[in-house]
PDB file of N, CA and C in Angstrom:
ATOM      1  N   UNK A   1     -80.517  35.390  83.016  1.00  0.00           N
ATOM      2  CA  UNK A   1     -79.585  35.791  84.018  1.00  0.00           C
ATOM      3  C   UNK A   1     -78.325  34.973  83.859  1.00  0.00           C
ATOM      4  N   UNK A   2     -77.231  35.626  84.082  1.00  0.00           N
ATOM      5  CA  UNK A   2     -75.944  34.945  84.006  1.00  0.00           C
ATOM      6  C   UNK A   2     -75.274  35.021  85.362  1.00  0.00           C
ATOM      7  N   UNK A   3     -74.376  34.077  85.587  1.00  0.00           N
ATOM      8  CA  UNK A   3     -73.627  34.016  86.835  1.00  0.00           C
ATOM      9  C   UNK A   3     -73.640  32.610  87.380  1.00  0.00           C
ATOM     10  N   UNK A   4     -73.336  32.474  88.649  1.00  0.00           N
ATOM     11  CA  UNK A   4     -73.394  31.169  89.313  1.00  0.00           C
ATOM     12  C   UNK A   4     -74.794  31.038  89.904  1.00  0.00           C
ATOM     13  N   UNK A   5     -75.741  30.565  89.069  1.00  0.00           N
ATOM     14  CA  UNK A   5     -77.147  30.538  89.465  1.00  0.00           C
ATOM     15  C   UNK A   5     -77.773  29.149  89.346  1.00  0.00           C
ATOM     16  N   UNK A   6     -76.982  28.126  89.086  1.00  0.00           N
ATOM     17  CA  UNK A   6     -77.511  26.761  89.027  1.00  0.00           C
ATOM     18  C   UNK A   6     -76.928  25.942  90.169  1.00  0.00           C
ATOM     19  N   UNK A   7     -77.786  25.112  90.774  1.00  0.00           N
ATOM     20  CA  UNK A   7     -77.345  24.239  91.852  1.00  0.00           C
ATOM     21  C   UNK A   7     -77.213  24.939  93.198  1.00  0.00           C
ATOM     22  N   UNK A   8     -77.824  26.118  93.333  1.00  0.00           N
ATOM     23  CA  UNK A   8     -77.706  26.881  94.580  1.00  0.00           C
ATOM     24  C   UNK A   8     -79.075  27.285  95.149  1.00  0.00           C
ATOM     25  N   UNK A   9     -80.170  26.741  94.611  1.00  0.00           N
ATOM     26  CA  UNK A   9     -81.509  27.092  95.071  1.00  0.00           C
ATOM     27  C   UNK A   9     -82.042  28.393  94.500  1.00  0.00           C
ATOM     28  N   UNK A  10     -81.410  28.876  93.436  1.00  0.00           N
ATOM     29  CA  UNK A  10     -81.759  30.172  92.864  1.00  0.00           C
ATOM     30  C   UNK A  10     -83.185  30.201  92.304  1.00  0.00           C
ATOM     31  N   UNK A  11     -83.562  29.192  91.528  1.00  0.00           N
ATOM     32  CA  UNK A  11     -84.894  29.208  90.899  1.00  0.00           C
ATOM     33  C   UNK A  11     -86.006  29.212  91.940  1.00  0.00           C
ATOM     34  N   UNK A  12     -85.868  28.415  92.991  1.00  0.00           N
ATOM     35  CA  UNK A  12     -86.887  28.396  94.038  1.00  0.00           C
ATOM     36  C   UNK A  12     -86.915  29.730  94.775  1.00  0.00           C
ATOM     37  N   UNK A  13     -85.757  30.325  94.984  1.00  0.00           N
ATOM     38  CA  UNK A  13     -85.678  31.636  95.625  1.00  0.00           C
ATOM     39  C   UNK A  13     -86.427  32.676  94.778  1.00  0.00           C
ATOM     40  N   UNK A  14     -86.223  32.636  93.463  1.00  0.00           N
ATOM     41  CA  UNK A  14     -86.918  33.559  92.556  1.00  0.00           C
ATOM     42  C   UNK A  14     -88.423  33.315  92.610  1.00  0.00           C
ATOM     43  N   UNK A  15     -88.828  32.048  92.610  1.00  0.00           N
ATOM     44  CA  UNK A  15     -90.257  31.714  92.662  1.00  0.00           C
ATOM     45  C   UNK A  15     -90.909  32.323  93.904  1.00  0.00           C
ATOM     46  N   UNK A  16     -90.252  32.208  95.048  1.00  0.00           N
ATOM     47  CA  UNK A  16     -90.812  32.769  96.281  1.00  0.00           C
ATOM     48  C   UNK A  16     -90.909  34.297  96.206  1.00  0.00           C
ATOM     49  N   UNK A  17     -89.882  34.952  95.691  1.00  0.00           N
ATOM     50  CA  UNK A  17     -89.904  36.416  95.573  1.00  0.00           C
ATOM     51  C   UNK A  17     -90.984  36.860  94.583  1.00  0.00           C
ATOM     52  N   UNK A  18     -91.163  36.109  93.501  1.00  0.00           N
ATOM     53  CA  UNK A  18     -92.204  36.433  92.526  1.00  0.00           C
ATOM     54  C   UNK A  18     -93.586  36.281  93.167  1.00  0.00           C
ATOM     55  N   UNK A  19     -93.795  35.177  93.848  1.00  0.00           N
ATOM     56  CA  UNK A  19     -95.092  34.927  94.484  1.00  0.00           C
ATOM     57  C   UNK A  19     -95.426  36.028  95.498  1.00  0.00           C
ATOM     58  N   UNK A  20     -94.425  36.483  96.263  1.00  0.00           N
ATOM     59  CA  UNK A  20     -94.636  37.565  97.230  1.00  0.00           C
ATOM     60  C   UNK A  20     -95.153  38.830  96.562  1.00  0.00           C
ATOM     61  N   UNK A  21     -94.836  39.012  95.285  1.00  0.00           N
ATOM     62  CA  UNK A  21     -95.223  40.220  94.554  1.00  0.00           C
ATOM     63  C   UNK A  21     -96.439  40.007  93.648  1.00  0.00           C
ATOM     64  N   UNK A  22     -96.997  38.786  93.640  1.00  0.00           N
ATOM     65  CA  UNK A  22     -98.126  38.501  92.765  1.00  0.00           C
ATOM     66  C   UNK A  22     -97.729  38.315  91.317  1.00  0.00           C
ATOM     67  N   UNK A  23     -96.473  37.930  91.090  1.00  0.00           N
ATOM     68  CA  UNK A  23     -95.940  37.729  89.737  1.00  0.00           C
ATOM     69  C   UNK A  23     -95.976  36.242  89.411  1.00  0.00           C
ATOM     70  N   UNK A  24     -96.360  35.905  88.190  1.00  0.00           N
ATOM     71  CA  UNK A  24     -96.385  34.521  87.715  1.00  0.00           C
ATOM     72  C   UNK A  24     -95.351  34.367  86.613  1.00  0.00           C
ATOM     73  N   UNK A  25     -95.037  33.107  86.259  1.00  0.00           N
ATOM     74  CA  UNK A  25     -94.094  32.867  85.173  1.00  0.00           C
ATOM     75  C   UNK A  25     -93.283  31.616  85.377  1.00  0.00           C
ATOM     76  N   UNK A  26     -91.978  31.699  85.051  1.00  0.00           N
ATOM     77  CA  UNK A  26     -91.112  30.533  85.168  1.00  0.00           C
ATOM     78  C   UNK A  26     -89.661  30.963  85.309  1.00  0.00           C
ATOM     79  N   UNK A  27     -88.878  30.077  85.904  1.00  0.00           N
ATOM     80  CA  UNK A  27     -87.423  30.232  85.990  1.00  0.00           C
ATOM     81  C   UNK A  27     -86.844  28.879  85.603  1.00  0.00           C
ATOM     82  N   UNK A  28     -86.133  28.834  84.491  1.00  0.00           N
ATOM     83  CA  UNK A  28     -85.677  27.571  83.908  1.00  0.00           C
ATOM     84  C   UNK A  28     -84.167  27.637  83.652  1.00  0.00           C
ATOM     85  N   UNK A  29     -83.452  26.562  84.048  1.00  0.00           N
ATOM     86  CA  UNK A  29     -82.019  26.486  83.767  1.00  0.00           C
ATOM     87  C   UNK A  29     -81.768  26.421  82.265  1.00  0.00           C
ATOM     88  N   UNK A  30     -80.692  27.080  81.833  1.00  0.00           N
ATOM     89  CA  UNK A  30     -80.267  27.058  80.432  1.00  0.00           C
ATOM     90  C   UNK A  30     -78.994  26.229  80.292  1.00  0.00           C
ATOM     91  N   UNK A  31     -78.765  25.647  79.129  1.00  0.00           N
ATOM     92  CA  UNK A  31     -77.562  24.827  78.927  1.00  0.00           C
ATOM     93  C   UNK A  31     -76.255  25.585  79.163  1.00  0.00           C
ATOM     94  N   UNK A  32     -76.262  26.917  78.992  1.00  0.00           N
ATOM     95  CA  UNK A  32     -75.033  27.692  79.166  1.00  0.00           C
ATOM     96  C   UNK A  32     -74.738  28.044  80.624  1.00  0.00           C
ATOM     97  N   UNK A  33     -75.572  27.549  81.565  1.00  0.00           N
ATOM     98  CA  UNK A  33     -75.360  27.811  82.977  1.00  0.00           C
ATOM     99  C   UNK A  33     -76.168  28.975  83.516  1.00  0.00           C
ATOM    100  N   UNK A  34     -76.892  29.665  82.651  1.00  0.00           N
ATOM    101  CA  UNK A  34     -77.737  30.772  83.087  1.00  0.00           C
ATOM    102  C   UNK A  34     -79.135  30.294  83.427  1.00  0.00           C
ATOM    103  N   UNK A  35     -79.996  31.235  83.738  1.00  0.00           N
ATOM    104  CA  UNK A  35     -81.401  30.950  84.030  1.00  0.00           C
ATOM    105  C   UNK A  35     -82.251  31.903  83.200  1.00  0.00           C
ATOM    106  N   UNK A  36     -83.272  31.366  82.532  1.00  0.00           N
ATOM    107  CA  UNK A  36     -84.242  32.179  81.805  1.00  0.00           C
ATOM    108  C   UNK A  36     -85.432  32.422  82.727  1.00  0.00           C
ATOM    109  N   UNK A  37     -85.793  33.673  82.909  1.00  0.00           N
ATOM    110  CA  UNK A  37     -86.912  34.044  83.753  1.00  0.00           C
ATOM    111  C   UNK A  37     -87.991  34.687  82.897  1.00  0.00           C
ATOM    112  N   UNK A  38     -89.213  34.188  83.028  1.00  0.00           N
ATOM    113  CA  UNK A  38     -90.382  34.819  82.430  1.00  0.00           C
ATOM    114  C   UNK A  38     -91.233  35.272  83.605  1.00  0.00           C
ATOM    115  N   UNK A  39     -91.547  36.557  83.658  1.00  0.00           N
ATOM    116  CA  UNK A  39     -92.311  37.111  84.771  1.00  0.00           C
ATOM    117  C   UNK A  39     -93.457  37.943  84.221  1.00  0.00           C
ATOM    118  N   UNK A  40     -94.677  37.640  84.677  1.00  0.00           N
ATOM    119  CA  UNK A  40     -95.859  38.376  84.246  1.00  0.00           C
ATOM    120  C   UNK A  40     -96.605  38.881  85.465  1.00  0.00           C
ATOM    121  N   UNK A  41     -97.077  40.103  85.366  1.00  0.00           N
ATOM    122  CA  UNK A  41     -97.843  40.720  86.442  1.00  0.00           C
ATOM    123  C   UNK A  41     -97.851  42.214  86.247  1.00  0.00           C
ATOM    124  N   UNK A  42     -98.348  42.940  87.234  1.00  0.00           N
ATOM    125  CA  UNK A  42     -98.304  44.389  87.127  1.00  0.00           C
ATOM    126  C   UNK A  42     -96.863  44.862  86.929  1.00  0.00           C
ATOM    127  N   UNK A  43     -96.682  45.846  86.068  1.00  0.00           N
ATOM    128  CA  UNK A  43     -95.330  46.309  85.736  1.00  0.00           C
ATOM    129  C   UNK A  43     -94.525  46.654  86.983  1.00  0.00           C
ATOM    130  N   UNK A  44     -95.154  47.304  87.957  1.00  0.00           N
ATOM    131  CA  UNK A  44     -94.443  47.679  89.177  1.00  0.00           C
ATOM    132  C   UNK A  44     -93.953  46.451  89.929  1.00  0.00           C
ATOM    133  N   UNK A  45     -94.751  45.381  89.939  1.00  0.00           N
ATOM    134  CA  UNK A  45     -94.371  44.153  90.634  1.00  0.00           C
ATOM    135  C   UNK A  45     -93.220  43.457  89.924  1.00  0.00           C
ATOM    136  N   UNK A  46     -93.274  43.405  88.598  1.00  0.00           N
ATOM    137  CA  UNK A  46     -92.192  42.782  87.830  1.00  0.00           C
ATOM    138  C   UNK A  46     -90.913  43.602  87.980  1.00  0.00           C
ATOM    139  N   UNK A  47     -91.041  44.926  87.948  1.00  0.00           N
ATOM    140  CA  UNK A  47     -89.867  45.777  88.137  1.00  0.00           C
ATOM    141  C   UNK A  47     -89.265  45.588  89.520  1.00  0.00           C
ATOM    142  N   UNK A  48     -90.106  45.438  90.529  1.00  0.00           N
ATOM    143  CA  UNK A  48     -89.617  45.183  91.886  1.00  0.00           C
ATOM    144  C   UNK A  48     -88.836  43.871  91.949  1.00  0.00           C
ATOM    145  N   UNK A  49     -89.333  42.839  91.265  1.00  0.00           N
ATOM    146  CA  UNK A  49     -88.621  41.565  91.215  1.00  0.00           C
ATOM    147  C   UNK A  49     -87.265  41.738  90.534  1.00  0.00           C
ATOM    148  N   UNK A  50     -87.235  42.428  89.405  1.00  0.00           N
ATOM    149  CA  UNK A  50     -85.963  42.674  88.718  1.00  0.00           C
ATOM    150  C   UNK A  50     -84.994  43.473  89.591  1.00  0.00           C
ATOM    151  N   UNK A  51     -85.512  44.473  90.296  1.00  0.00           N
ATOM    152  CA  UNK A  51     -84.656  45.268  91.175  1.00  0.00           C
ATOM    153  C   UNK A  51     -84.046  44.391  92.271  1.00  0.00           C
ATOM    154  N   UNK A  52     -84.837  43.482  92.814  1.00  0.00           N
ATOM    155  CA  UNK A  52     -84.342  42.565  93.845  1.00  0.00           C
ATOM    156  C   UNK A  52     -83.259  41.662  93.277  1.00  0.00           C
ATOM    157  N   UNK A  53     -83.458  41.167  92.074  1.00  0.00           N
ATOM    158  CA  UNK A  53     -82.457  40.305  91.438  1.00  0.00           C
ATOM    159  C   UNK A  53     -81.162  41.070  91.180  1.00  0.00           C
ATOM    160  N   UNK A  54     -81.294  42.326  90.822  1.00  0.00           N
ATOM    161  CA  UNK A  54     -80.102  43.129  90.515  1.00  0.00           C
ATOM    162  C   UNK A  54     -79.355  43.565  91.762  1.00  0.00           C
ATOM    163  N   UNK A  55     -80.065  43.786  92.861  1.00  0.00           N
ATOM    164  CA  UNK A  55     -79.421  44.340  94.048  1.00  0.00           C
ATOM    165  C   UNK A  55     -78.963  43.280  95.038  1.00  0.00           C
ATOM    166  N   UNK A  56     -79.506  42.040  94.923  1.00  0.00           N
ATOM    167  CA  UNK A  56     -79.099  40.961  95.809  1.00  0.00           C
ATOM    168  C   UNK A  56     -79.474  41.241  97.251  1.00  0.00           C
ATOM    169  N   UNK A  57     -79.018  40.425  98.172  1.00  0.00           N
ATOM    170  CA  UNK A  57     -78.270  39.209  97.870  1.00  0.00           C
ATOM    171  C   UNK A  57     -79.197  38.104  97.356  1.00  0.00           C
ATOM    172  N   UNK A  58     -78.654  37.261  96.522  1.00  0.00           N
ATOM    173  CA  UNK A  58     -79.376  36.110  95.979  1.00  0.00           C
ATOM    174  C   UNK A  58     -78.549  34.864  96.242  1.00  0.00           C
ATOM    175  N   UNK A  59     -79.165  33.686  96.172  1.00  0.00           N
ATOM    176  CA  UNK A  59     -78.352  32.464  96.212  1.00  0.00           C
ATOM    177  C   UNK A  59     -77.421  32.458  94.998  1.00  0.00           C
ATOM    178  N   UNK A  60     -76.215  32.045  95.165  1.00  0.00           N
ATOM    179  CA  UNK A  60     -75.260  32.062  94.062  1.00  0.00           C
ATOM    180  C   UNK A  60     -74.809  33.477  93.796  1.00  0.00           C
ATOM    181  N   UNK A  61     -74.532  33.758  92.539  1.00  0.00           N
ATOM    182  CA  UNK A  61     -74.065  35.094  92.171  1.00  0.00           C
ATOM    183  C   UNK A  61     -74.597  35.464  90.799  1.00  0.00           C
ATOM    184  N   UNK A  62     -75.406  36.509  90.741  1.00  0.00           N
ATOM    185  CA  UNK A  62     -75.930  37.027  89.479  1.00  0.00           C
ATOM    186  C   UNK A  62     -74.953  38.072  88.975  1.00  0.00           C
ATOM    187  N   UNK A  63     -74.473  37.891  87.736  1.00  0.00           N
ATOM    188  CA  UNK A  63     -73.531  38.859  87.170  1.00  0.00           C
ATOM    189  C   UNK A  63     -74.116  39.597  85.967  1.00  0.00           C
ATOM    190  N   UNK A  64     -75.295  39.218  85.529  1.00  0.00           N
ATOM    191  CA  UNK A  64     -75.896  39.909  84.400  1.00  0.00           C
ATOM    192  C   UNK A  64     -77.361  39.565  84.244  1.00  0.00           C
ATOM    193  N   UNK A  65     -78.162  40.597  83.994  1.00  0.00           N
ATOM    194  CA  UNK A  65     -79.594  40.419  83.748  1.00  0.00           C
ATOM    195  C   UNK A  65     -79.955  41.269  82.541  1.00  0.00           C
ATOM    196  N   UNK A  66     -80.659  40.667  81.602  1.00  0.00           N
ATOM    197  CA  UNK A  66     -81.204  41.450  80.503  1.00  0.00           C
ATOM    198  C   UNK A  66     -82.722  41.290  80.549  1.00  0.00           C
ATOM    199  N   UNK A  67     -83.435  42.352  80.252  1.00  0.00           N
ATOM    200  CA  UNK A  67     -84.894  42.326  80.312  1.00  0.00           C
ATOM    201  C   UNK A  67     -85.468  42.674  78.951  1.00  0.00           C
ATOM    202  N   UNK A  68     -86.527  41.976  78.576  1.00  0.00           N
ATOM    203  CA  UNK A  68     -87.247  42.223  77.334  1.00  0.00           C
ATOM    204  C   UNK A  68     -88.718  42.345  77.709  1.00  0.00           C
ATOM    205  N   UNK A  69     -89.252  43.543  77.670  1.00  0.00           N
ATOM    206  CA  UNK A  69     -90.641  43.775  78.049  1.00  0.00           C
ATOM    207  C   UNK A  69     -91.549  43.497  76.858  1.00  0.00           C
ATOM    208  N   UNK A  70     -92.584  42.692  77.088  1.00  0.00           N
ATOM    209  CA  UNK A  70     -93.552  42.390  76.045  1.00  0.00           C
ATOM    210  C   UNK A  70     -94.917  42.156  76.701  1.00  0.00           C
ATOM    211  N   UNK A  71     -95.991  42.131  75.912  1.00  0.00           N
ATOM    212  CA  UNK A  71     -97.315  41.903  76.483  1.00  0.00           C
ATOM    213  C   UNK A  71     -97.403  40.542  77.184  1.00  0.00           C
ATOM    214  N   UNK A  72     -98.184  40.497  78.239  1.00  0.00           N
ATOM    215  CA  UNK A  72     -98.402  39.252  78.979  1.00  0.00           C
ATOM    216  C   UNK A  72     -99.095  38.220  78.094  1.00  0.00           C
ATOM    217  N   UNK A  73     -98.817  36.946  78.373  1.00  0.00           N
ATOM    218  CA  UNK A  73     -99.406  35.860  77.587  1.00  0.00           C
ATOM    219  C   UNK A  73    -100.449  35.071  78.366  1.00  0.00           C
ATOM    220  N   UNK A  74    -100.666  35.404  79.635  1.00  0.00           N
ATOM    221  CA  UNK A  74    -101.673  34.711  80.421  1.00  0.00           C
ATOM    222  C   UNK A  74    -101.154  33.499  81.171  1.00  0.00           C
ATOM    223  N   UNK A  75     -99.884  33.489  81.489  1.00  0.00           N
ATOM    224  CA  UNK A  75     -99.295  32.395  82.271  1.00  0.00           C
ATOM    225  C   UNK A  75     -99.973  32.312  83.616  1.00  0.00           C
ATOM    226  N   UNK A  76    -100.133  31.095  84.146  1.00  0.00           N
ATOM    227  CA  UNK A  76    -100.692  30.902  85.488  1.00  0.00           C
ATOM    228  C   UNK A  76     -99.650  30.222  86.354  1.00  0.00           C
ATOM    229  N   UNK A  77     -99.564  30.621  87.621  1.00  0.00           N
ATOM    230  CA  UNK A  77     -98.630  30.010  88.551  1.00  0.00           C
ATOM    231  C   UNK A  77     -97.190  30.378  88.252  1.00  0.00           C
ATOM    232  N   UNK A  78     -96.275  29.626  88.869  1.00  0.00           N
ATOM    233  CA  UNK A  78     -94.852  29.865  88.643  1.00  0.00           C
ATOM    234  C   UNK A  78     -94.157  28.519  88.575  1.00  0.00           C
ATOM    235  N   UNK A  79     -93.478  28.264  87.466  1.00  0.00           N
ATOM    236  CA  UNK A  79     -92.825  26.976  87.196  1.00  0.00           C
ATOM    237  C   UNK A  79     -91.304  27.153  87.349  1.00  0.00           C
ATOM    238  N   UNK A  80     -90.654  26.163  87.936  1.00  0.00           N
ATOM    239  CA  UNK A  80     -89.212  26.213  88.120  1.00  0.00           C
ATOM    240  C   UNK A  80     -88.520  25.005  87.497  1.00  0.00           C
ATOM    241  N   UNK A  81     -89.021  24.527  86.410  1.00  0.00           N
ATOM    242  CA  UNK A  81     -88.413  23.355  85.806  1.00  0.00           C
ATOM    243  C   UNK A  81     -88.299  23.446  84.323  1.00  0.00           C
TER     244      UNK A  81
END
């Protein structure tokens, strides 16, 4: 994700929205100021999370999201670091 998403509580906000949907994974700050999100769960739940990120409102400002769908790897929990 790109935009103003660091230093505004964005990763924790994503973690809570993911947990509400039964999605596991991680949200990690990137050196370029973006956030990398890995989300695993039922496709409908992951799509719902992406839709929420795209439609806002979110902490900060998301200006771009790219998604790459691939098979789940068996991640447990949700990490924000």
